[in-house]
PDB file of N, CA and C in Angstrom:
ATOM      1  N   UNK A   1     104.292 -14.891  34.988  1.00  0.00           N
ATOM      2  CA  UNK A   1     103.863 -14.081  36.104  1.00  0.00           C
ATOM      3  C   UNK A   1     104.887 -14.200  37.214  1.00  0.00           C
ATOM      4  N   UNK A   2     105.204 -13.054  37.833  1.00  0.00           N
ATOM      5  CA  UNK A   2     106.204 -13.035  38.905  1.00  0.00           C
ATOM      6  C   UNK A   2     105.518 -12.753  40.240  1.00  0.00           C
ATOM      7  N   UNK A   3     106.013 -13.439  41.261  1.00  0.00           N
ATOM      8  CA  UNK A   3     105.500 -13.238  42.615  1.00  0.00           C
ATOM      9  C   UNK A   3     106.655 -13.416  43.590  1.00  0.00           C
ATOM     10  N   UNK A   4     106.622 -12.663  44.679  1.00  0.00           N
ATOM     11  CA  UNK A   4     107.675 -12.718  45.691  1.00  0.00           C
ATOM     12  C   UNK A   4     107.080 -13.239  46.998  1.00  0.00           C
ATOM     13  N   UNK A   5     107.768 -14.205  47.586  1.00  0.00           N
ATOM     14  CA  UNK A   5     107.351 -14.775  48.865  1.00  0.00           C
ATOM     15  C   UNK A   5     108.463 -14.560  49.877  1.00  0.00           C
ATOM     16  N   UNK A   6     108.071 -14.273  51.118  1.00  0.00           N
ATOM     17  CA  UNK A   6     109.028 -14.140  52.210  1.00  0.00           C
ATOM     18  C   UNK A   6     108.968 -15.422  53.031  1.00  0.00           C
ATOM     19  N   UNK A   7     110.141 -16.012  53.246  1.00  0.00           N
ATOM     20  CA  UNK A   7     110.252 -17.289  53.954  1.00  0.00           C
ATOM     21  C   UNK A   7     111.201 -17.114  55.127  1.00  0.00           C
ATOM     22  N   UNK A   8     110.787 -17.568  56.299  1.00  0.00           N
ATOM     23  CA  UNK A   8     111.656 -17.510  57.469  1.00  0.00           C
ATOM     24  C   UNK A   8     112.857 -18.420  57.251  1.00  0.00           C
ATOM     25  N   UNK A   9     113.972 -18.041  57.852  1.00  0.00           N
ATOM     26  CA  UNK A   9     115.227 -18.771  57.670  1.00  0.00           C
ATOM     27  C   UNK A   9     115.087 -20.262  57.955  1.00  0.00           C
ATOM     28  N   UNK A  10     114.367 -20.596  59.016  1.00  0.00           N
ATOM     29  CA  UNK A  10     114.244 -22.012  59.382  1.00  0.00           C
ATOM     30  C   UNK A  10     113.420 -22.824  58.374  1.00  0.00           C
ATOM     31  N   UNK A  11     112.678 -22.141  57.499  1.00  0.00           N
ATOM     32  CA  UNK A  11     111.857 -22.841  56.499  1.00  0.00           C
ATOM     33  C   UNK A  11     112.444 -22.802  55.098  1.00  0.00           C
ATOM     34  N   UNK A  12     113.605 -22.148  54.945  1.00  0.00           N
ATOM     35  CA  UNK A  12     114.187 -21.967  53.610  1.00  0.00           C
ATOM     36  C   UNK A  12     114.368 -23.290  52.872  1.00  0.00           C
ATOM     37  N   UNK A  13     115.031 -24.243  53.495  1.00  0.00           N
ATOM     38  CA  UNK A  13     115.326 -25.504  52.817  1.00  0.00           C
ATOM     39  C   UNK A  13     114.050 -26.266  52.471  1.00  0.00           C
ATOM     40  N   UNK A  14     113.088 -26.231  53.370  1.00  0.00           N
ATOM     41  CA  UNK A  14     111.823 -26.930  53.141  1.00  0.00           C
ATOM     42  C   UNK A  14     111.087 -26.347  51.927  1.00  0.00           C
ATOM     43  N   UNK A  15     111.003 -25.019  51.874  1.00  0.00           N
ATOM     44  CA  UNK A  15     110.330 -24.361  50.753  1.00  0.00           C
ATOM     45  C   UNK A  15     111.085 -24.615  49.454  1.00  0.00           C
ATOM     46  N   UNK A  16     112.410 -24.500  49.513  1.00  0.00           N
ATOM     47  CA  UNK A  16     113.229 -24.740  48.322  1.00  0.00           C
ATOM     48  C   UNK A  16     113.011 -26.163  47.793  1.00  0.00           C
ATOM     49  N   UNK A  17     113.013 -27.143  48.671  1.00  0.00           N
ATOM     50  CA  UNK A  17     112.799 -28.528  48.261  1.00  0.00           C
ATOM     51  C   UNK A  17     111.415 -28.728  47.661  1.00  0.00           C
ATOM     52  N   UNK A  18     110.389 -28.165  48.307  1.00  0.00           N
ATOM     53  CA  UNK A  18     109.019 -28.314  47.805  1.00  0.00           C
ATOM     54  C   UNK A  18     108.874 -27.747  46.387  1.00  0.00           C
ATOM     55  N   UNK A  19     109.444 -26.575  46.172  1.00  0.00           N
ATOM     56  CA  UNK A  19     109.301 -25.921  44.869  1.00  0.00           C
ATOM     57  C   UNK A  19     110.142 -26.594  43.791  1.00  0.00           C
ATOM     58  N   UNK A  20     111.379 -26.941  44.118  1.00  0.00           N
ATOM     59  CA  UNK A  20     112.284 -27.495  43.107  1.00  0.00           C
ATOM     60  C   UNK A  20     111.992 -28.954  42.773  1.00  0.00           C
ATOM     61  N   UNK A  21     111.316 -29.666  43.672  1.00  0.00           N
ATOM     62  CA  UNK A  21     111.010 -31.070  43.401  1.00  0.00           C
ATOM     63  C   UNK A  21     109.667 -31.257  42.696  1.00  0.00           C
ATOM     64  N   UNK A  22     108.892 -30.185  42.576  1.00  0.00           N
ATOM     65  CA  UNK A  22     107.613 -30.271  41.881  1.00  0.00           C
ATOM     66  C   UNK A  22     107.831 -30.118  40.377  1.00  0.00           C
ATOM     67  N   UNK A  23     107.285 -31.058  39.596  1.00  0.00           N
ATOM     68  CA  UNK A  23     107.494 -31.057  38.143  1.00  0.00           C
ATOM     69  C   UNK A  23     106.980 -29.795  37.456  1.00  0.00           C
ATOM     70  N   UNK A  24     105.845 -29.280  37.903  1.00  0.00           N
ATOM     71  CA  UNK A  24     105.242 -28.113  37.254  1.00  0.00           C
ATOM     72  C   UNK A  24     105.974 -26.828  37.650  1.00  0.00           C
ATOM     73  N   UNK A  25     106.181 -26.628  38.937  1.00  0.00           N
ATOM     74  CA  UNK A  25     106.788 -25.391  39.433  1.00  0.00           C
ATOM     75  C   UNK A  25     108.254 -25.279  39.016  1.00  0.00           C
ATOM     76  N   UNK A  26     108.977 -26.387  39.045  1.00  0.00           N
ATOM     77  CA  UNK A  26     110.413 -26.343  38.768  1.00  0.00           C
ATOM     78  C   UNK A  26     110.741 -26.007  37.317  1.00  0.00           C
ATOM     79  N   UNK A  27     109.768 -26.030  36.445  1.00  0.00           N
ATOM     80  CA  UNK A  27     110.003 -25.653  35.042  1.00  0.00           C
ATOM     81  C   UNK A  27     110.186 -24.157  34.880  1.00  0.00           C
ATOM     82  N   UNK A  28     109.703 -23.393  35.865  1.00  0.00           N
ATOM     83  CA  UNK A  28     109.838 -21.940  35.816  1.00  0.00           C
ATOM     84  C   UNK A  28     111.131 -21.496  36.470  1.00  0.00           C
ATOM     85  N   UNK A  29     111.223 -20.214  36.709  1.00  0.00           N
ATOM     86  CA  UNK A  29     112.409 -19.633  37.339  1.00  0.00           C
ATOM     87  C   UNK A  29     112.148 -19.439  38.832  1.00  0.00           C
ATOM     88  N   UNK A  30     113.068 -19.940  39.653  1.00  0.00           N
ATOM     89  CA  UNK A  30     112.993 -19.770  41.105  1.00  0.00           C
ATOM     90  C   UNK A  30     114.286 -19.096  41.541  1.00  0.00           C
ATOM     91  N   UNK A  31     114.172 -17.882  42.043  1.00  0.00           N
ATOM     92  CA  UNK A  31     115.333 -17.129  42.499  1.00  0.00           C
ATOM     93  C   UNK A  31     115.212 -16.918  44.002  1.00  0.00           C
ATOM     94  N   UNK A  32     116.303 -17.139  44.708  1.00  0.00           N
ATOM     95  CA  UNK A  32     116.310 -16.964  46.159  1.00  0.00           C
ATOM     96  C   UNK A  32     117.288 -15.830  46.479  1.00  0.00           C
ATOM     97  N   UNK A  33     116.806 -14.850  47.234  1.00  0.00           N
ATOM     98  CA  UNK A  33     117.637 -13.691  47.583  1.00  0.00           C
ATOM     99  C   UNK A  33     117.556 -13.424  49.076  1.00  0.00           C
ATOM    100  N   UNK A  34     118.670 -12.993  49.631  1.00  0.00           N
ATOM    101  CA  UNK A  34     118.704 -12.508  51.005  1.00  0.00           C
ATOM    102  C   UNK A  34     118.246 -11.048  50.946  1.00  0.00           C
ATOM    103  N   UNK A  35     117.274 -10.647  51.752  1.00  0.00           N
ATOM    104  CA  UNK A  35     116.780  -9.266  51.696  1.00  0.00           C
ATOM    105  C   UNK A  35     117.883  -8.204  51.832  1.00  0.00           C
ATOM    106  N   UNK A  36     118.867  -8.451  52.670  1.00  0.00           N
ATOM    107  CA  UNK A  36     119.950  -7.477  52.859  1.00  0.00           C
ATOM    108  C   UNK A  36     120.700  -7.202  51.549  1.00  0.00           C
ATOM    109  N   UNK A  37     120.773  -8.194  50.666  1.00  0.00           N
ATOM    110  CA  UNK A  37     121.472  -8.003  49.386  1.00  0.00           C
ATOM    111  C   UNK A  37     120.723  -7.025  48.480  1.00  0.00           C
ATOM    112  N   UNK A  38     119.465  -6.742  48.837  1.00  0.00           N
ATOM    113  CA  UNK A  38     118.646  -5.802  48.070  1.00  0.00           C
ATOM    114  C   UNK A  38     118.396  -4.521  48.873  1.00  0.00           C
ATOM    115  N   UNK A  39     119.135  -4.346  49.974  1.00  0.00           N
ATOM    116  CA  UNK A  39     118.961  -3.202  50.877  1.00  0.00           C
ATOM    117  C   UNK A  39     117.547  -3.125  51.447  1.00  0.00           C
ATOM    118  N   UNK A  40     117.005  -4.282  51.785  1.00  0.00           N
ATOM    119  CA  UNK A  40     115.670  -4.371  52.389  1.00  0.00           C
ATOM    120  C   UNK A  40     115.832  -5.016  53.762  1.00  0.00           C
ATOM    121  N   UNK A  41     115.222  -4.415  54.755  1.00  0.00           N
ATOM    122  CA  UNK A  41     115.341  -4.923  56.125  1.00  0.00           C
ATOM    123  C   UNK A  41     114.193  -5.889  56.418  1.00  0.00           C
ATOM    124  N   UNK A  42     114.426  -7.149  56.185  1.00  0.00           N
ATOM    125  CA  UNK A  42     113.489  -8.230  56.493  1.00  0.00           C
ATOM    126  C   UNK A  42     114.314  -9.415  56.952  1.00  0.00           C
ATOM    127  N   UNK A  43     113.707 -10.249  57.778  1.00  0.00           N
ATOM    128  CA  UNK A  43     114.370 -11.476  58.198  1.00  0.00           C
ATOM    129  C   UNK A  43     113.910 -12.614  57.295  1.00  0.00           C
ATOM    130  N   UNK A  44     114.841 -13.484  56.932  1.00  0.00           N
ATOM    131  CA  UNK A  44     114.496 -14.639  56.115  1.00  0.00           C
ATOM    132  C   UNK A  44     115.053 -14.530  54.711  1.00  0.00           C
ATOM    133  N   UNK A  45     114.278 -15.071  53.775  1.00  0.00           N
ATOM    134  CA  UNK A  45     114.695 -15.122  52.369  1.00  0.00           C
ATOM    135  C   UNK A  45     113.526 -14.755  51.473  1.00  0.00           C
ATOM    136  N   UNK A  46     113.854 -14.123  50.341  1.00  0.00           N
ATOM    137  CA  UNK A  46     112.860 -13.883  49.308  1.00  0.00           C
ATOM    138  C   UNK A  46     112.943 -15.017  48.299  1.00  0.00           C
ATOM    139  N   UNK A  47     111.816 -15.598  47.978  1.00  0.00           N
ATOM    140  CA  UNK A  47     111.711 -16.548  46.879  1.00  0.00           C
ATOM    141  C   UNK A  47     110.949 -15.824  45.781  1.00  0.00           C
ATOM    142  N   UNK A  48     111.608 -15.620  44.649  1.00  0.00           N
ATOM    143  CA  UNK A  48     110.997 -14.917  43.533  1.00  0.00           C
ATOM    144  C   UNK A  48     110.680 -15.953  42.465  1.00  0.00           C
ATOM    145  N   UNK A  49     109.398 -16.136  42.214  1.00  0.00           N
ATOM    146  CA  UNK A  49     108.966 -17.132  41.242  1.00  0.00           C
ATOM    147  C   UNK A  49     108.533 -16.433  39.969  1.00  0.00           C
ATOM    148  N   UNK A  50     109.023 -16.912  38.853  1.00  0.00           N
ATOM    149  CA  UNK A  50     108.612 -16.431  37.535  1.00  0.00           C
ATOM    150  C   UNK A  50     108.114 -17.663  36.789  1.00  0.00           C
ATOM    151  N   UNK A  51     106.819 -17.908  36.925  1.00  0.00           N
ATOM    152  CA  UNK A  51     106.215 -19.131  36.393  1.00  0.00           C
ATOM    153  C   UNK A  51     104.856 -18.811  35.775  1.00  0.00           C
ATOM    154  N   UNK A  52     104.300 -19.780  35.094  1.00  0.00           N
ATOM    155  CA  UNK A  52     102.977 -19.622  34.525  1.00  0.00           C
ATOM    156  C   UNK A  52     101.906 -19.618  35.611  1.00  0.00           C
ATOM    157  N   UNK A  53     100.690 -19.289  35.208  1.00  0.00           N
ATOM    158  CA  UNK A  53      99.579 -19.175  36.160  1.00  0.00           C
ATOM    159  C   UNK A  53      99.297 -20.492  36.882  1.00  0.00           C
ATOM    160  N   UNK A  54      99.292 -21.585  36.138  1.00  0.00           N
ATOM    161  CA  UNK A  54      99.030 -22.899  36.741  1.00  0.00           C
ATOM    162  C   UNK A  54     100.121 -23.263  37.756  1.00  0.00           C
ATOM    163  N   UNK A  55     101.366 -23.012  37.391  1.00  0.00           N
ATOM    164  CA  UNK A  55     102.485 -23.310  38.281  1.00  0.00           C
ATOM    165  C   UNK A  55     102.443 -22.426  39.523  1.00  0.00           C
ATOM    166  N   UNK A  56     102.003 -21.170  39.377  1.00  0.00           N
ATOM    167  CA  UNK A  56     101.922 -20.264  40.520  1.00  0.00           C
ATOM    168  C   UNK A  56     100.881 -20.768  41.519  1.00  0.00           C
ATOM    169  N   UNK A  57      99.747 -21.223  41.014  1.00  0.00           N
ATOM    170  CA  UNK A  57      98.713 -21.771  41.903  1.00  0.00           C
ATOM    171  C   UNK A  57      99.240 -22.986  42.652  1.00  0.00           C
ATOM    172  N   UNK A  58      99.962 -23.843  41.933  1.00  0.00           N
ATOM    173  CA  UNK A  58     100.535 -25.036  42.553  1.00  0.00           C
ATOM    174  C   UNK A  58     101.567 -24.652  43.614  1.00  0.00           C
ATOM    175  N   UNK A  59     102.409 -23.673  43.305  1.00  0.00           N
ATOM    176  CA  UNK A  59     103.430 -23.220  44.253  1.00  0.00           C
ATOM    177  C   UNK A  59     102.783 -22.670  45.518  1.00  0.00           C
ATOM    178  N   UNK A  60     101.737 -21.883  45.347  1.00  0.00           N
ATOM    179  CA  UNK A  60     101.043 -21.310  46.498  1.00  0.00           C
ATOM    180  C   UNK A  60     100.455 -22.410  47.386  1.00  0.00           C
ATOM    181  N   UNK A  61      99.924 -23.460  46.763  1.00  0.00           N
ATOM    182  CA  UNK A  61      99.391 -24.589  47.536  1.00  0.00           C
ATOM    183  C   UNK A  61     100.510 -25.291  48.304  1.00  0.00           C
ATOM    184  N   UNK A  62     101.645 -25.510  47.632  1.00  0.00           N
ATOM    185  CA  UNK A  62     102.762 -26.237  48.237  1.00  0.00           C
ATOM    186  C   UNK A  62     103.333 -25.532  49.464  1.00  0.00           C
ATOM    187  N   UNK A  63     103.412 -24.220  49.401  1.00  0.00           N
ATOM    188  CA  UNK A  63     104.089 -23.489  50.479  1.00  0.00           C
ATOM    189  C   UNK A  63     103.125 -22.744  51.411  1.00  0.00           C
ATOM    190  N   UNK A  64     101.852 -23.037  51.271  1.00  0.00           N
ATOM    191  CA  UNK A  64     100.846 -22.403  52.133  1.00  0.00           C
ATOM    192  C   UNK A  64     101.172 -22.691  53.602  1.00  0.00           C
ATOM    193  N   UNK A  65     101.182 -21.642  54.400  1.00  0.00           N
ATOM    194  CA  UNK A  65     101.451 -21.792  55.818  1.00  0.00           C
ATOM    195  C   UNK A  65     102.924 -21.706  56.211  1.00  0.00           C
ATOM    196  N   UNK A  66     103.828 -21.818  55.233  1.00  0.00           N
ATOM    197  CA  UNK A  66     105.261 -21.717  55.560  1.00  0.00           C
ATOM    198  C   UNK A  66     105.947 -20.573  54.814  1.00  0.00           C
ATOM    199  N   UNK A  67     105.214 -19.922  53.938  1.00  0.00           N
ATOM    200  CA  UNK A  67     105.727 -18.744  53.226  1.00  0.00           C
ATOM    201  C   UNK A  67     104.545 -17.811  52.989  1.00  0.00           C
ATOM    202  N   UNK A  68     104.837 -16.538  52.893  1.00  0.00           N
ATOM    203  CA  UNK A  68     103.762 -15.581  52.640  1.00  0.00           C
ATOM    204  C   UNK A  68     104.144 -14.655  51.502  1.00  0.00           C
ATOM    205  N   UNK A  69     103.134 -14.234  50.724  1.00  0.00           N
ATOM    206  CA  UNK A  69     103.403 -13.273  49.665  1.00  0.00           C
ATOM    207  C   UNK A  69     103.941 -12.004  50.303  1.00  0.00           C
ATOM    208  N   UNK A  70     104.996 -11.470  49.710  1.00  0.00           N
ATOM    209  CA  UNK A  70     105.603 -10.260  50.253  1.00  0.00           C
ATOM    210  C   UNK A  70     104.828  -9.045  49.769  1.00  0.00           C
ATOM    211  N   UNK A  71     104.461  -8.197  50.726  1.00  0.00           N
ATOM    212  CA  UNK A  71     103.613  -7.044  50.422  1.00  0.00           C
ATOM    213  C   UNK A  71     104.227  -6.069  49.425  1.00  0.00           C
ATOM    214  N   UNK A  72     105.569  -5.952  49.426  1.00  0.00           N
ATOM    215  CA  UNK A  72     106.249  -5.047  48.500  1.00  0.00           C
ATOM    216  C   UNK A  72     106.992  -5.829  47.419  1.00  0.00           C
ATOM    217  N   UNK A  73     106.324  -6.825  46.875  1.00  0.00           N
ATOM    218  CA  UNK A  73     106.936  -7.692  45.868  1.00  0.00           C
ATOM    219  C   UNK A  73     107.463  -6.943  44.658  1.00  0.00           C
ATOM    220  N   UNK A  74     106.735  -5.916  44.209  1.00  0.00           N
ATOM    221  CA  UNK A  74     107.179  -5.153  43.038  1.00  0.00           C
ATOM    222  C   UNK A  74     108.528  -4.492  43.294  1.00  0.00           C
ATOM    223  N   UNK A  75     108.716  -3.991  44.504  1.00  0.00           N
ATOM    224  CA  UNK A  75     109.983  -3.343  44.878  1.00  0.00           C
ATOM    225  C   UNK A  75     111.129  -4.356  44.802  1.00  0.00           C
ATOM    226  N   UNK A  76     110.889  -5.558  45.290  1.00  0.00           N
ATOM    227  CA  UNK A  76     111.900  -6.613  45.259  1.00  0.00           C
ATOM    228  C   UNK A  76     112.259  -6.954  43.816  1.00  0.00           C
ATOM    229  N   UNK A  77     111.252  -7.137  42.991  1.00  0.00           N
ATOM    230  CA  UNK A  77     111.473  -7.481  41.578  1.00  0.00           C
ATOM    231  C   UNK A  77     112.262  -6.376  40.877  1.00  0.00           C
ATOM    232  N   UNK A  78     111.918  -5.117  41.146  1.00  0.00           N
ATOM    233  CA  UNK A  78     112.643  -3.994  40.538  1.00  0.00           C
ATOM    234  C   UNK A  78     114.114  -3.999  40.948  1.00  0.00           C
ATOM    235  N   UNK A  79     114.382  -4.233  42.232  1.00  0.00           N
ATOM    236  CA  UNK A  79     115.769  -4.232  42.714  1.00  0.00           C
ATOM    237  C   UNK A  79     116.570  -5.383  42.111  1.00  0.00           C
ATOM    238  N   UNK A  80     115.955  -6.549  41.970  1.00  0.00           N
ATOM    239  CA  UNK A  80     116.632  -7.696  41.361  1.00  0.00           C
ATOM    240  C   UNK A  80     116.947  -7.387  39.899  1.00  0.00           C
ATOM    241  N   UNK A  81     115.990  -6.805  39.195  1.00  0.00           N
ATOM    242  CA  UNK A  81     116.211  -6.464  37.782  1.00  0.00           C
ATOM    243  C   UNK A  81     117.310  -5.414  37.634  1.00  0.00           C
ATOM    244  N   UNK A  82     117.361  -4.449  38.559  1.00  0.00           N
ATOM    245  CA  UNK A  82     118.440  -3.444  38.537  1.00  0.00           C
ATOM    246  C   UNK A  82     119.800  -4.117  38.699  1.00  0.00           C
ATOM    247  N   UNK A  83     119.888  -5.060  39.645  1.00  0.00           N
ATOM    248  CA  UNK A  83     121.151  -5.773  39.863  1.00  0.00           C
ATOM    249  C   UNK A  83     121.553  -6.557  38.615  1.00  0.00           C
ATOM    250  N   UNK A  84     120.582  -7.226  38.005  1.00  0.00           N
ATOM    251  CA  UNK A  84     120.880  -8.012  36.802  1.00  0.00           C
ATOM    252  C   UNK A  84     121.337  -7.110  35.661  1.00  0.00           C
ATOM    253  N   UNK A  85     120.680  -5.958  35.509  1.00  0.00           N
ATOM    254  CA  UNK A  85     121.048  -5.025  34.442  1.00  0.00           C
ATOM    255  C   UNK A  85     122.464  -4.493  34.639  1.00  0.00           C
ATOM    256  N   UNK A  86     122.797  -4.119  35.887  1.00  0.00           N
ATOM    257  CA  UNK A  86     124.146  -3.580  36.120  1.00  0.00           C
ATOM    258  C   UNK A  86     125.202  -4.675  35.961  1.00  0.00           C
ATOM    259  N   UNK A  87     124.853  -5.904  36.282  1.00  0.00           N
ATOM    260  CA  UNK A  87     125.792  -7.011  36.079  1.00  0.00           C
ATOM    261  C   UNK A  87     126.035  -7.220  34.587  1.00  0.00           C
ATOM    262  N   UNK A  88     124.984  -7.120  33.791  1.00  0.00           N
ATOM    263  CA  UNK A  88     125.132  -7.280  32.338  1.00  0.00           C
ATOM    264  C   UNK A  88     125.960  -6.141  31.755  1.00  0.00           C
ATOM    265  N   UNK A  89     125.754  -4.919  32.258  1.00  0.00           N
ATOM    266  CA  UNK A  89     126.546  -3.787  31.782  1.00  0.00           C
ATOM    267  C   UNK A  89     128.022  -3.997  32.109  1.00  0.00           C
ATOM    268  N   UNK A  90     128.300  -4.460  33.321  1.00  0.00           N
ATOM    269  CA  UNK A  90     129.681  -4.723  33.725  1.00  0.00           C
ATOM    270  C   UNK A  90     130.313  -5.793  32.863  1.00  0.00           C
ATOM    271  N   UNK A  91     129.553  -6.819  32.546  1.00  0.00           N
ATOM    272  CA  UNK A  91     130.047  -7.898  31.691  1.00  0.00           C
ATOM    273  C   UNK A  91     130.325  -7.368  30.295  1.00  0.00           C
ATOM    274  N   UNK A  92     129.451  -6.493  29.802  1.00  0.00           N
ATOM    275  CA  UNK A  92     129.636  -5.888  28.490  1.00  0.00           C
ATOM    276  C   UNK A  92     130.882  -5.021  28.430  1.00  0.00           C
ATOM    277  N   UNK A  93     131.160  -4.321  29.531  1.00  0.00           N
ATOM    278  CA  UNK A  93     132.361  -3.488  29.590  1.00  0.00           C
ATOM    279  C   UNK A  93     133.627  -4.329  29.576  1.00  0.00           C
ATOM    280  N   UNK A  94     133.587  -5.491  30.199  1.00  0.00           N
ATOM    281  CA  UNK A  94     134.743  -6.388  30.223  1.00  0.00           C
ATOM    282  C   UNK A  94     135.054  -6.872  28.807  1.00  0.00           C
ATOM    283  N   UNK A  95     133.999  -7.221  28.069  1.00  0.00           N
ATOM    284  CA  UNK A  95     134.173  -7.721  26.704  1.00  0.00           C
ATOM    285  C   UNK A  95     134.514  -6.611  25.732  1.00  0.00           C
ATOM    286  N   UNK A  96     134.125  -5.383  26.098  1.00  0.00           N
ATOM    287  CA  UNK A  96     134.449  -4.207  25.304  1.00  0.00           C
ATOM    288  C   UNK A  96     133.746  -4.210  24.014  1.00  0.00           C
TER     289      UNK A  96
END
């Protein structure tokens, strides 16, 4: 399951440490993106979690009050996937 959280700049390191140091949450995928890199006007950082249901509940508990679910999370996920796809295409072209 994927979920996107918006974190203020001053809380980035704290949220990153909480998520990456937890045994359950850190087993999943944690991606951090600057909104501007996705052509989205927001302040802070996007934390995109791709983890199981149990890990998602744990992550939400850990970052409660310092991060919030992003209302347009699907849009963020789509833009990240587009970037990854175009990067893979470019890599494929290099290898020919």
